[in-house]
Amino acid sequence: MCLHRVLVSRLERSFALYRDFADTLGESSLAEKLPGLPSNAIGLQLWCVVGARESYTEAIRAGRWAGFACSLESPLVKMDVTVALERSEAGVKAALLEVEPLSEVQQDLALDLLEHEAAHQGQLIRYLYGLRLPIPDSWRARYALAPSK
């Protein structure tokens, strides 16, 4: 399997995990922070995910990093977060279809995006356990997670 197809497949898996995460969260959870630890709100974690997707989409199209920007203005409003996750997912998919084959720089950018997605998933797992929030079945299966108690 070529790297382009592997990247698309792995990103699609990550996007599905985030869709499940957002579906599981109640709106009030978006404002939650880890108690007693320096942390930002869950919604701000998702703001960063959306912004990275949007920024890497532009970078992949341009063949170079052009800086970070995020269109999500209301990271504590569930509908806005859900729409932004869906829109940013569609943007990444479109960019990867438009620019095939990917140059080495574009491959690196797509891999950086995949790393960013995974890093936030690891952080969000700590939020799920620390706040005793329900863990989506897809996350439990993907990361062999025990139910939160």
Protein backbone atom coordinates (compact mmCIF):
# COMPACT_ATOMS: atom_id res chain seq x y z
CA MET A 1 0.00 0.00 0.00
CA CYS A 2 1.40 3.42 -0.90
CA LEU A 3 2.09 6.03 1.77
CA HIS A 4 -0.68 8.29 0.49
CA ARG A 5 -3.33 5.61 1.05
CA VAL A 6 -1.89 4.75 4.46
CA LEU A 7 -2.01 8.41 5.50
CA VAL A 8 -5.60 8.78 4.32
CA SER A 9 -6.60 5.57 6.12
CA ARG A 10 -4.94 6.56 9.41
CA LEU A 11 -6.36 10.07 9.29
CA GLU A 12 -9.84 8.71 8.59
CA ARG A 13 -9.48 6.45 11.64
CA SER A 14 -8.45 9.44 13.73
CA PHE A 15 -11.34 11.52 12.42
CA ALA A 16 -13.78 8.75 13.36
CA LEU A 17 -12.35 8.67 16.89
CA TYR A 18 -12.89 12.41 17.25
CA ARG A 19 -16.45 12.14 15.93
CA ASP A 20 -17.16 9.48 18.57
CA PHE A 21 -15.51 11.61 21.25
CA ALA A 22 -17.64 14.64 20.37
CA ASP A 23 -20.80 12.52 20.21
CA THR A 24 -20.14 11.16 23.71
CA LEU A 25 -19.51 14.55 25.35
CA GLY A 26 -22.19 16.68 26.91
CA GLU A 27 -21.90 20.38 26.17
CA SER A 28 -20.96 21.19 29.77
CA SER A 29 -17.97 18.84 29.46
CA LEU A 30 -16.37 21.17 26.92
CA ALA A 31 -15.62 23.64 29.72
CA GLU A 32 -14.15 21.00 32.05
CA LYS A 33 -10.51 21.15 33.10
CA LEU A 34 -8.45 18.58 34.97
CA PRO A 35 -8.87 19.31 38.68
CA GLY A 36 -5.74 20.34 40.56
CA LEU A 37 -3.56 20.35 37.45
CA PRO A 38 -2.57 22.99 34.95
CA SER A 39 -4.86 22.31 32.02
CA ASN A 40 -7.12 24.03 29.59
CA ALA A 41 -10.73 23.13 28.86
CA ILE A 42 -11.64 20.11 26.73
CA GLY A 43 -13.18 22.49 24.21
CA LEU A 44 -9.84 24.25 23.84
CA GLN A 45 -8.15 20.92 23.18
CA LEU A 46 -10.65 20.41 20.36
CA TRP A 47 -10.09 24.00 19.18
CA CYS A 48 -6.42 23.08 18.72
CA VAL A 49 -7.37 19.92 16.81
CA VAL A 50 -9.60 21.92 14.45
CA GLY A 51 -6.96 24.63 14.02
CA ALA A 52 -4.25 22.09 13.26
CA ARG A 53 -6.45 20.39 10.68
CA GLU A 54 -7.20 23.71 9.02
CA SER A 55 -3.59 24.88 9.17
CA TYR A 56 -2.13 21.62 7.90
CA THR A 57 -4.72 21.54 5.11
CA GLU A 58 -3.44 24.90 3.88
CA ALA A 59 0.16 23.80 4.34
CA ILE A 60 -0.37 20.58 2.36
CA ARG A 61 -1.98 22.54 -0.47
CA ALA A 62 0.82 25.13 -0.45
CA GLY A 63 3.62 22.63 0.09
CA ARG A 64 4.90 24.61 3.07
CA TRP A 65 3.88 25.63 6.58
CA ALA A 66 2.06 28.96 6.59
CA GLY A 67 1.22 29.32 10.29
CA PHE A 68 -1.58 28.31 12.62
CA ALA A 69 -5.13 29.60 12.40
CA CYS A 70 -8.45 28.28 13.69
CA SER A 71 -11.95 29.21 12.57
CA LEU A 72 -13.64 27.72 15.65
CA GLU A 73 -14.80 30.74 17.63
CA SER A 74 -16.96 28.95 20.23
CA PRO A 75 -15.03 25.94 21.56
CA LEU A 76 -17.46 25.59 24.47
CA VAL A 77 -20.55 25.20 22.25
CA LYS A 78 -21.02 21.57 21.25
CA MET A 79 -22.76 22.24 17.93
CA ASP A 80 -20.01 24.64 16.89
CA VAL A 81 -17.31 22.14 17.87
CA THR A 82 -19.04 19.29 16.04
CA VAL A 83 -19.50 21.36 12.87
CA ALA A 84 -15.87 22.55 13.00
CA LEU A 85 -14.58 19.00 13.44
CA GLU A 86 -16.65 17.84 10.46
CA ARG A 87 -15.65 20.82 8.29
CA SER A 88 -11.95 20.46 9.12
CA GLU A 89 -12.09 16.72 8.45
CA ALA A 90 -13.61 17.37 5.03
CA GLY A 91 -10.92 19.96 4.31
CA VAL A 92 -8.08 17.56 5.05
CA LYS A 93 -9.66 14.83 2.93
CA ALA A 94 -10.18 17.23 0.02
CA ALA A 95 -6.60 18.48 0.19
CA LEU A 96 -5.21 14.94 0.20
CA LEU A 97 -7.30 14.09 -2.87
CA GLU A 98 -6.25 17.26 -4.67
CA VAL A 99 -2.53 16.81 -4.15
CA GLU A 100 -1.75 13.27 -5.18
CA PRO A 101 1.02 12.32 -5.36
CA LEU A 102 2.25 14.13 -2.28
CA SER A 103 5.71 15.64 -2.37
CA GLU A 104 8.09 14.71 0.42
CA VAL A 105 7.28 18.01 2.17
CA GLN A 106 3.54 17.33 1.86
CA GLN A 107 4.01 13.81 3.23
CA ASP A 108 5.87 15.25 6.21
CA LEU A 109 3.08 17.77 6.80
CA ALA A 110 0.41 15.05 6.66
CA LEU A 111 2.43 12.91 9.08
CA ASP A 112 2.80 15.92 11.40
CA LEU A 113 -0.98 16.33 11.35
CA LEU A 114 -1.45 12.66 12.19
CA GLU A 115 1.00 13.00 15.10
CA HIS A 116 -0.88 16.07 16.33
CA GLU A 117 -4.19 14.19 16.22
CA ALA A 118 -2.68 11.30 18.22
CA ALA A 119 -1.05 13.62 20.77
CA HIS A 120 -4.40 15.23 21.55
CA GLN A 121 -6.03 11.82 21.79
CA GLY A 122 -3.52 10.92 24.49
CA GLN A 123 -4.24 14.16 26.32
CA LEU A 124 -7.99 13.67 26.02
CA ILE A 125 -7.72 10.16 27.47
CA ARG A 126 -6.32 11.80 30.64
CA TYR A 127 -9.36 14.13 30.66
CA LEU A 128 -11.74 11.19 30.28
CA TYR A 129 -10.21 9.38 33.24
CA GLY A 130 -9.48 12.47 35.35
CA LEU A 131 -13.01 13.81 34.97
CA ARG A 132 -14.61 10.36 35.05
CA LEU A 133 -16.32 10.96 31.72
CA PRO A 134 -17.71 8.14 29.60
CA ILE A 135 -15.11 6.64 27.29
CA PRO A 136 -16.36 6.06 23.74
CA ASP A 137 -16.29 2.39 22.72
CA SER A 138 -14.07 3.19 19.72
CA TRP A 139 -11.47 4.78 22.03
CA ARG A 140 -11.66 1.84 24.41
CA ALA A 141 -11.08 -0.57 21.53
CA ARG A 142 -8.36 1.49 19.81
CA TYR A 143 -6.31 2.15 22.96
CA ALA A 144 -7.31 -0.85 25.12
CA LEU A 145 -8.78 1.46 27.76
CA ALA A 146 -10.53 0.28 30.87
CA PRO A 147 -13.88 1.93 31.64
CA SER A 148 -13.58 5.11 33.72
CA LYS A 149 -14.67 4.65 37.33
